Amino acid sequence: MSESCKIKNRPKGWSALLKSWYFWKPIVGFSIGAVAGLLYYHYYGSASGSSTVTSDPYSNAFFGGLIGFIAVKRPCCAC
């Protein structure tokens, strides 16, 4: 990795970590992705059960949350 990929300004200590955006950003990304996954299931989901991903609201929420987490917690923004 190059020098621009190193994490800067990581909070020190638990109280600073819990108050920082560094901690909450992945949680918010996962939550927004999970809600988007549920909305996708509600409007476009497969009621017939032919697809294992789109026929279950829990798997849709999980995969949406996973995509949201990956989108905000990518290892390097500048590379």
Protein backbone atom coordinates (compact mmCIF):
# COMPACT_ATOMS: atom_id res chain seq x y z
CA MET A 1 0.00 0.00 0.00
CA SER A 2 1.14 3.49 -0.64
CA GLU A 3 1.60 6.20 1.96
CA SER A 4 -1.77 7.80 1.18
CA CYS A 5 -3.61 4.60 2.18
CA LYS A 6 -2.69 4.67 5.87
CA ILE A 7 -5.44 5.42 8.37
CA LYS A 8 -5.07 8.87 9.85
CA ASN A 9 -6.60 10.32 12.99
CA ARG A 10 -7.73 7.05 14.53
CA PRO A 11 -9.21 7.85 17.94
CA LYS A 12 -7.32 6.86 21.08
CA GLY A 13 -9.23 5.11 23.86
CA TRP A 14 -12.71 3.62 24.07
CA SER A 15 -14.63 6.77 24.90
CA ALA A 16 -13.07 8.68 22.01
CA LEU A 17 -13.69 5.73 19.70
CA LEU A 18 -17.38 5.48 20.61
CA LYS A 19 -17.85 9.21 20.00
CA SER A 20 -16.04 9.23 16.65
CA TRP A 21 -17.35 8.88 13.12
CA TYR A 22 -14.64 6.25 12.58
CA PHE A 23 -16.70 3.87 14.75
CA TRP A 24 -20.22 4.81 13.63
CA LYS A 25 -19.65 5.04 9.88
CA PRO A 26 -19.67 1.23 9.24
CA ILE A 27 -22.69 0.75 11.50
CA VAL A 28 -24.64 3.45 9.69
CA GLY A 29 -23.58 2.00 6.32
CA PHE A 30 -24.73 -1.49 7.33
CA SER A 31 -28.05 -0.15 8.65
CA ILE A 32 -28.81 1.85 5.52
CA GLY A 33 -27.87 -1.14 3.37
CA ALA A 34 -30.13 -3.43 5.42
CA VAL A 35 -33.08 -1.06 5.03
CA ALA A 36 -32.38 -0.87 1.30
CA GLY A 37 -32.31 -4.68 1.17
CA LEU A 38 -35.68 -4.88 2.92
CA LEU A 39 -37.14 -2.30 0.55
CA TYR A 40 -35.82 -4.31 -2.37
CA TYR A 41 -37.50 -7.41 -0.96
CA HIS A 42 -40.76 -5.55 -0.44
CA TYR A 43 -40.95 -4.11 -3.96
CA TYR A 44 -39.03 -6.62 -6.11
CA GLY A 45 -38.66 -9.79 -4.02
CA SER A 46 -39.51 -13.20 -5.37
CA ALA A 47 -42.66 -14.50 -3.67
CA SER A 48 -42.43 -17.85 -5.46
CA GLY A 49 -39.25 -18.84 -3.62
CA SER A 50 -37.30 -19.55 -6.79
CA SER A 51 -34.33 -17.46 -5.64
CA THR A 52 -32.75 -18.03 -2.25
CA VAL A 53 -31.59 -14.44 -1.96
CA THR A 54 -34.71 -12.53 -2.99
CA SER A 55 -37.28 -14.87 -1.43
CA ASP A 56 -36.20 -14.26 2.18
CA PRO A 57 -36.35 -10.78 3.79
CA TYR A 58 -33.57 -11.64 6.27
CA SER A 59 -31.08 -12.63 3.59
CA ASN A 60 -31.99 -9.53 1.59
CA ALA A 61 -31.38 -7.35 4.63
CA PHE A 62 -28.09 -9.10 5.38
CA PHE A 63 -26.73 -8.81 1.84
CA GLY A 64 -27.88 -5.20 1.58
CA GLY A 65 -26.18 -4.45 4.88
CA LEU A 66 -23.03 -6.20 3.73
CA ILE A 67 -22.93 -4.10 0.57
CA GLY A 68 -23.51 -0.95 2.63
CA PHE A 69 -20.71 -1.92 5.02
CA ILE A 70 -18.27 -2.60 2.18
CA ALA A 71 -19.20 0.68 0.51
CA VAL A 72 -18.29 2.79 3.53
CA LYS A 73 -15.47 0.70 5.00
CA ARG A 74 -13.31 0.21 1.93
CA PRO A 75 -9.67 -0.21 2.82
CA CYS A 76 -8.36 2.69 0.81
CA CYS A 77 -10.19 5.61 -0.79
CA ALA A 78 -7.21 7.16 -2.56
CA CYS A 79 -5.68 4.06 -4.21
